[in-house]
Amino acid sequence: MNKQPKTTIKWMSFVVSSMLWIGTLAPQTSFGLTFVIPHNGNIIGNIQYTSAQYGDSLSTIGRRYDMGGYEMVEANPGVNYLEPNRGTRIVVPSRFVLPDTPRKGIVINLSEMRLYYYHPDGVHVSTYPVGVGQEGWNTPLGTTTVTRKREHPTWVVPDSILANHEAHGQPIEKVWPAGPNNPLGDYAMNTGFKSIVIHGSPYPKGVGVRSSHGCIRMLNEDVEQLFKMVQVGTPVNIIHQPTKIGRLDNKLYLEAHVPLSNAEYYAGNVQSAGQLIHKVVNGAKYSVEWREIEKLQNRANGYPQPIGSIN
């Protein structure tokens, strides 16, 4: 079974920027993480390690590798978020199990707060950290499409958000013109879900955490890259998969994230590790360490770790 971790991890604000990795995992000076989809499994990337330097936080370290702040917290339990001790070994969780979905268009996994874009060539996948709906403003699950693309968009605030700001004594304007303070950033892609937009943000600390009113927040530089690749009509699949099972050659791996607590994200949507393993092995004989699986789900470190093999 998929279990809620025993320890509670508090939400924090993080600043994240991006870099481009193609094929190898050496940080460069552009954006996004792009990989060739493997023929021998469903795992992309590699775990990296670095050392905390003077003035670093987990957020500033993560931004050098295009990792969301919460991903860095999951991967480094017990490390001081604001001031990790100088020289502390830091895990960069830059290895991912591809979600258990059709490999087409945009896939957003809410539990890992990460977006995957499958290129039309069928060979490459790009992935980016995202901010998702906060408690009470849940991002919906399901399939839809990109219905509209807007560069330098105007934000017309939904009535529900206006009312929420009024109720908290923080009224805002109904219409926000394009510009550096526009909450949609420089690029926006509307979806078929009402008021759910994939967009940039002038507030990078809201990327990689539950921070939005349901929309998908991206770093401005990331969404610019995605915007130029995506066409109107591109499929969008929003999922909640806190546990993912990976296969690389004959080895099996488990990647576990902290599940979102909302009940609607569980009803019929979260499969057990056993169910996922059966799908991945596709009828082959296998052996796994069930106690290790339980430990990894409770720890929720957020990157693939070995659990067994296909015989």
Protein backbone atom coordinates (compact mmCIF):
# COMPACT_ATOMS: atom_id res chain seq x y z
CA MET A 1 0.00 0.00 0.00
CA ASN A 2 0.97 3.59 -0.49
CA LYS A 3 1.37 5.13 2.97
CA GLN A 4 1.48 8.69 4.17
CA PRO A 5 4.99 9.38 5.54
CA LYS A 6 5.24 9.37 9.32
CA THR A 7 6.97 12.72 9.47
CA THR A 8 5.36 15.96 8.38
CA ILE A 9 7.39 18.10 6.03
CA LYS A 10 6.44 21.76 6.25
CA TRP A 11 5.90 23.78 3.14
CA MET A 12 8.46 26.50 2.51
CA SER A 13 9.14 29.08 -0.17
CA PHE A 14 11.89 28.44 -2.61
CA VAL A 15 13.63 30.22 -5.48
CA VAL A 16 14.38 28.05 -8.49
CA SER A 17 16.02 28.77 -11.83
CA SER A 18 16.75 26.45 -14.74
CA MET A 19 19.46 24.82 -16.81
CA LEU A 20 19.48 22.70 -19.96
CA TRP A 21 20.76 19.16 -19.86
CA ILE A 22 20.80 17.18 -23.09
CA GLY A 23 21.98 13.60 -22.92
CA THR A 24 24.52 14.21 -20.17
CA LEU A 25 23.92 15.83 -16.81
CA ALA A 26 26.53 18.57 -16.75
CA PRO A 27 24.85 21.87 -15.80
CA GLN A 28 24.98 24.42 -18.62
CA THR A 29 23.70 27.94 -19.10
CA SER A 30 20.19 27.47 -20.46
CA PHE A 31 16.93 26.01 -19.18
CA GLY A 32 15.07 22.78 -18.66
CA LEU A 33 16.16 19.16 -18.47
CA THR A 34 15.88 17.27 -21.76
CA PHE A 35 16.61 13.56 -22.12
CA VAL A 36 16.44 10.79 -24.68
CA ILE A 37 13.67 8.37 -23.69
CA PRO A 38 15.38 5.02 -22.91
CA HIS A 39 14.59 1.88 -24.89
CA ASN A 40 15.45 -0.40 -21.96
CA GLY A 41 13.25 1.08 -19.25
CA ASN A 42 11.54 4.21 -17.98
CA ILE A 43 14.24 6.01 -15.97
CA ILE A 44 15.94 9.21 -17.13
CA GLY A 45 18.80 11.24 -15.69
CA ASN A 46 21.27 10.53 -12.91
CA ILE A 47 21.58 11.43 -9.25
CA GLN A 48 24.17 14.12 -8.64
CA TYR A 49 25.97 15.25 -5.52
CA THR A 50 27.42 18.56 -4.51
CA SER A 51 28.67 20.28 -1.36
CA ALA A 52 27.05 23.23 0.37
CA GLN A 53 29.15 26.37 0.17
CA TYR A 54 29.06 29.57 2.21
CA GLY A 55 25.80 31.43 1.57
CA ASP A 56 24.02 28.43 0.04
CA SER A 57 20.50 27.29 0.89
CA LEU A 58 18.82 24.16 -0.46
CA SER A 59 16.92 26.52 -2.74
CA THR A 60 19.99 28.17 -4.26
CA ILE A 61 21.65 24.81 -4.74
CA GLY A 62 18.52 23.45 -6.42
CA ARG A 63 18.29 26.37 -8.82
CA ARG A 64 21.69 25.46 -10.26
CA TYR A 65 20.26 22.11 -11.38
CA ASP A 66 16.66 23.09 -12.32
CA MET A 67 15.24 21.34 -9.27
CA GLY A 68 12.22 22.49 -7.28
CA GLY A 69 12.80 23.51 -3.68
CA TYR A 70 10.52 20.83 -2.26
CA GLU A 71 12.31 18.18 -4.29
CA MET A 72 15.55 19.28 -2.62
CA VAL A 73 13.94 19.06 0.83
CA GLU A 74 12.62 15.54 0.14
CA ALA A 75 16.03 14.35 -1.06
CA ASN A 76 17.96 15.84 1.86
CA PRO A 77 16.07 15.06 5.10
CA GLY A 78 17.60 16.63 8.17
CA VAL A 79 19.60 19.21 6.22
CA ASN A 80 18.99 22.81 7.31
CA TYR A 81 17.04 24.43 4.49
CA LEU A 82 18.25 28.00 4.98
CA GLU A 83 21.82 27.39 6.09
CA PRO A 84 23.19 23.91 5.41
CA ASN A 85 26.55 23.48 7.08
CA ARG A 86 29.41 24.34 4.78
CA GLY A 87 30.73 21.16 3.17
CA THR A 88 27.53 19.18 3.77
CA ARG A 89 27.00 16.59 1.04
CA ILE A 90 23.83 17.47 -0.85
CA VAL A 91 21.82 15.08 -3.00
CA VAL A 92 20.53 16.56 -6.25
CA PRO A 93 17.57 14.29 -7.18
CA SER A 94 18.00 14.69 -10.93
CA ARG A 95 16.94 11.17 -11.79
CA PHE A 96 13.30 10.46 -12.57
CA VAL A 97 10.95 7.57 -13.23
CA LEU A 98 8.70 8.57 -16.10
CA PRO A 99 5.07 8.72 -14.96
CA ASP A 100 2.79 5.78 -15.69
CA THR A 101 0.87 7.51 -18.49
CA PRO A 102 0.81 7.61 -22.28
CA ARG A 103 3.97 9.37 -23.47
CA LYS A 104 2.27 12.15 -25.34
CA GLY A 105 2.11 15.90 -24.85
CA ILE A 106 2.23 17.42 -21.36
CA VAL A 107 2.02 15.28 -18.21
CA ILE A 108 1.90 17.03 -14.81
CA ASN A 109 2.43 14.92 -11.69
CA LEU A 110 1.05 16.94 -8.78
CA SER A 111 2.70 14.87 -6.05
CA GLU A 112 6.20 15.51 -7.40
CA MET A 113 5.36 19.03 -8.63
CA ARG A 114 6.98 18.37 -11.97
CA LEU A 115 5.89 18.68 -15.60
CA TYR A 116 6.99 16.32 -18.38
CA TYR A 117 6.74 17.27 -22.05
CA TYR A 118 7.02 14.45 -24.58
CA HIS A 119 8.34 15.84 -27.84
CA PRO A 120 6.49 14.96 -31.06
CA ASP A 121 9.60 13.12 -32.30
CA GLY A 122 8.86 10.35 -29.80
CA VAL A 123 12.51 10.36 -28.78
CA HIS A 124 12.94 13.20 -26.27
CA VAL A 125 11.27 14.29 -23.04
CA SER A 126 11.77 17.61 -21.24
CA THR A 127 10.93 18.13 -17.58
CA TYR A 128 10.46 21.20 -15.40
CA PRO A 129 9.58 21.98 -11.76
CA VAL A 130 6.15 23.55 -11.31
CA GLY A 131 4.00 25.14 -8.62
CA VAL A 132 0.55 23.58 -8.18
CA GLY A 133 -2.69 24.39 -6.39
CA GLN A 134 -2.49 25.12 -2.69
CA GLU A 135 -4.80 23.60 -0.08
CA GLY A 136 -8.36 24.67 -0.87
CA TRP A 137 -7.47 25.59 -4.47
CA ASN A 138 -6.75 22.14 -5.82
CA THR A 139 -5.47 21.60 -9.34
CA PRO A 140 -7.93 19.22 -11.04
CA LEU A 141 -6.98 15.74 -12.20
CA GLY A 142 -7.76 14.52 -15.69
CA THR A 143 -7.05 14.97 -19.37
CA THR A 144 -7.54 18.07 -21.47
CA THR A 145 -5.62 20.04 -24.12
CA VAL A 146 -3.87 23.35 -24.61
CA THR A 147 -6.68 25.54 -25.93
CA ARG A 148 -4.93 28.90 -26.30
CA LYS A 149 -1.44 30.42 -26.22
CA ARG A 150 -0.78 34.00 -25.12
CA GLU A 151 2.45 35.96 -25.12
CA HIS A 152 2.58 38.90 -22.68
CA PRO A 153 -0.91 37.99 -21.44
CA THR A 154 -3.42 40.17 -19.60
CA TRP A 155 -4.76 38.53 -16.43
CA VAL A 156 -8.49 38.93 -15.84
CA VAL A 157 -8.88 37.78 -12.25
CA PRO A 158 -11.58 35.13 -11.70
CA ASP A 159 -14.36 36.20 -9.34
CA SER A 160 -13.47 33.43 -6.88
CA ILE A 161 -9.95 34.80 -6.45
CA LEU A 162 -11.25 38.37 -6.13
CA ALA A 163 -13.63 37.24 -3.40
CA ASN A 164 -10.87 35.36 -1.58
CA HIS A 165 -8.64 38.45 -1.52
CA GLU A 166 -11.54 40.58 -0.31
CA ALA A 167 -12.28 38.12 2.48
CA HIS A 168 -8.68 38.36 3.66
CA GLY A 169 -8.60 42.15 3.53
CA GLN A 170 -6.27 42.18 0.50
CA PRO A 171 -8.35 43.45 -2.43
CA ILE A 172 -6.73 43.38 -5.86
CA GLU A 173 -7.50 44.84 -9.29
CA LYS A 174 -9.79 42.90 -11.64
CA VAL A 175 -7.54 43.34 -14.69
CA TRP A 176 -3.73 43.08 -14.69
CA PRO A 177 -2.04 44.29 -17.89
CA ALA A 178 1.06 42.66 -19.31
CA GLY A 179 4.25 43.67 -17.55
CA PRO A 180 6.85 42.62 -14.99
CA ASN A 181 4.30 42.38 -12.15
CA ASN A 182 1.69 40.34 -14.03
CA PRO A 183 1.09 37.08 -12.08
CA LEU A 184 0.93 35.15 -15.39
CA GLY A 185 4.47 36.14 -16.31
CA ASP A 186 5.36 36.53 -19.98
CA TYR A 187 3.74 33.40 -21.38
CA ALA A 188 0.47 31.58 -20.69
CA MET A 189 -1.15 28.45 -22.10
CA ASN A 190 -4.84 28.00 -21.33
CA THR A 191 -6.20 24.48 -20.87
CA GLY A 192 -9.67 23.01 -21.24
CA PHE A 193 -10.08 23.13 -17.47
CA LYS A 194 -11.82 26.36 -16.47
CA SER A 195 -9.36 28.95 -15.13
CA ILE A 196 -6.45 26.45 -15.16
CA VAL A 197 -3.52 27.97 -17.01
CA ILE A 198 0.10 26.87 -17.44
CA HIS A 199 1.99 30.12 -17.03
CA GLY A 200 5.10 31.92 -15.89
CA SER A 201 5.41 33.96 -12.72
CA PRO A 202 7.30 37.00 -11.42
CA TYR A 203 7.54 35.12 -8.10
CA PRO A 204 9.98 32.21 -8.56
CA LYS A 205 9.57 31.17 -4.92
CA GLY A 206 6.09 29.94 -5.90
CA VAL A 207 7.57 27.33 -8.28
CA GLY A 208 8.21 23.88 -6.84
CA VAL A 209 5.62 24.19 -4.03
CA ARG A 210 1.85 24.21 -3.55
CA SER A 211 1.33 27.90 -4.11
CA SER A 212 -1.27 28.69 -6.76
CA HIS A 213 -5.05 29.02 -7.04
CA GLY A 214 -5.05 25.83 -9.12
CA CYS A 215 -2.92 26.95 -12.05
CA ILE A 216 0.43 25.46 -13.02
CA ARG A 217 3.21 27.95 -12.26
CA MET A 218 6.54 27.80 -14.06
CA LEU A 219 9.69 29.87 -14.06
CA ASN A 220 9.52 32.50 -16.78
CA GLU A 221 12.54 31.07 -18.59
CA ASP A 222 11.10 27.54 -18.44
CA VAL A 223 7.65 28.45 -19.68
CA GLU A 224 9.18 30.46 -22.54
CA GLN A 225 10.97 27.33 -23.71
CA LEU A 226 7.87 25.16 -23.33
CA PHE A 227 5.64 27.78 -24.99
CA LYS A 228 7.78 27.69 -28.14
CA MET A 229 7.57 23.90 -28.39
CA VAL A 230 3.88 23.35 -27.57
CA GLN A 231 1.05 23.83 -30.06
CA VAL A 232 -2.65 24.50 -29.47
CA GLY A 233 -4.28 21.08 -29.19
CA THR A 234 -1.36 19.48 -27.33
CA PRO A 235 -2.71 16.90 -24.83
CA VAL A 236 -2.44 17.75 -21.13
CA ASN A 237 -2.70 14.97 -18.53
CA ILE A 238 -2.75 15.98 -14.83
CA ILE A 239 -2.10 13.08 -12.48
CA HIS A 240 -1.32 12.29 -8.83
CA GLN A 241 1.30 9.51 -8.66
CA PRO A 242 3.24 9.71 -5.38
CA THR A 243 4.75 6.28 -6.04
CA LYS A 244 6.40 5.38 -9.34
CA ILE A 245 8.07 2.10 -10.26
CA GLY A 246 11.05 2.23 -12.58
CA ARG A 247 12.83 -0.36 -14.67
CA LEU A 248 16.32 -0.05 -16.12
CA ASP A 249 17.47 -3.19 -17.89
CA ASN A 250 16.54 -5.92 -15.36
CA LYS A 251 16.69 -3.77 -12.22
CA LEU A 252 13.59 -2.38 -10.47
CA TYR A 253 13.42 0.96 -8.67
CA LEU A 254 10.91 2.88 -6.57
CA GLU A 255 10.52 6.66 -6.51
CA ALA A 256 8.31 7.93 -3.67
CA HIS A 257 7.02 11.45 -3.00
CA VAL A 258 4.91 12.86 -0.20
CA PRO A 259 1.29 12.35 -1.34
CA LEU A 260 -0.98 15.38 -1.46
CA SER A 261 -3.42 15.08 1.42
CA ASN A 262 -6.62 15.96 -0.44
CA ALA A 263 -9.11 13.08 -0.50
CA GLU A 264 -10.06 13.63 -4.14
CA TYR A 265 -6.48 12.83 -5.17
CA TYR A 266 -6.84 9.33 -3.75
CA ALA A 267 -10.24 8.09 -4.90
CA GLY A 268 -9.40 5.52 -7.56
CA ASN A 269 -6.20 7.29 -8.51
CA VAL A 270 -3.38 5.99 -6.32
CA GLN A 271 -2.22 2.46 -7.11
CA SER A 272 -0.26 0.28 -4.71
CA ALA A 273 3.40 -0.50 -5.27
CA GLY A 274 2.43 -4.09 -6.01
CA GLN A 275 0.01 -3.06 -8.77
CA LEU A 276 2.61 -0.78 -10.32
CA ILE A 277 5.31 -3.47 -10.22
CA HIS A 278 3.05 -5.94 -12.03
CA LYS A 279 2.49 -3.38 -14.79
CA VAL A 280 6.20 -2.65 -15.19
CA VAL A 281 7.38 -6.29 -15.29
CA ASN A 282 4.62 -7.18 -17.77
CA GLY A 283 4.29 -10.82 -16.75
CA ALA A 284 7.96 -11.53 -16.11
CA LYS A 285 9.14 -13.17 -12.90
CA TYR A 286 10.66 -10.79 -10.39
CA SER A 287 11.90 -10.51 -6.83
CA VAL A 288 11.65 -7.41 -4.62
CA GLU A 289 12.33 -6.41 -1.03
CA TRP A 290 8.87 -5.56 0.33
CA ARG A 291 10.24 -4.17 3.60
CA GLU A 292 12.51 -1.86 1.64
CA ILE A 293 9.53 -0.71 -0.42
CA GLU A 294 7.66 0.21 2.76
CA LYS A 295 10.68 2.09 4.12
CA LEU A 296 11.16 4.05 0.90
CA GLN A 297 7.48 5.03 0.76
CA ASN A 298 7.64 6.27 4.33
CA ARG A 299 10.85 8.21 3.72
CA ALA A 300 9.62 9.74 0.43
CA ASN A 301 13.06 10.88 -0.72
CA GLY A 302 11.76 11.65 -4.19
CA TYR A 303 14.26 9.83 -6.42
CA PRO A 304 14.54 6.25 -7.75
CA GLN A 305 16.12 3.71 -5.40
CA PRO A 306 16.64 -0.05 -6.02
CA ILE A 307 14.04 -2.50 -4.74
CA GLY A 308 14.70 -5.71 -6.71
CA SER A 309 15.17 -7.26 -10.11
CA ILE A 310 13.49 -9.17 -12.91
CA ASN A 311 14.60 -12.79 -12.85
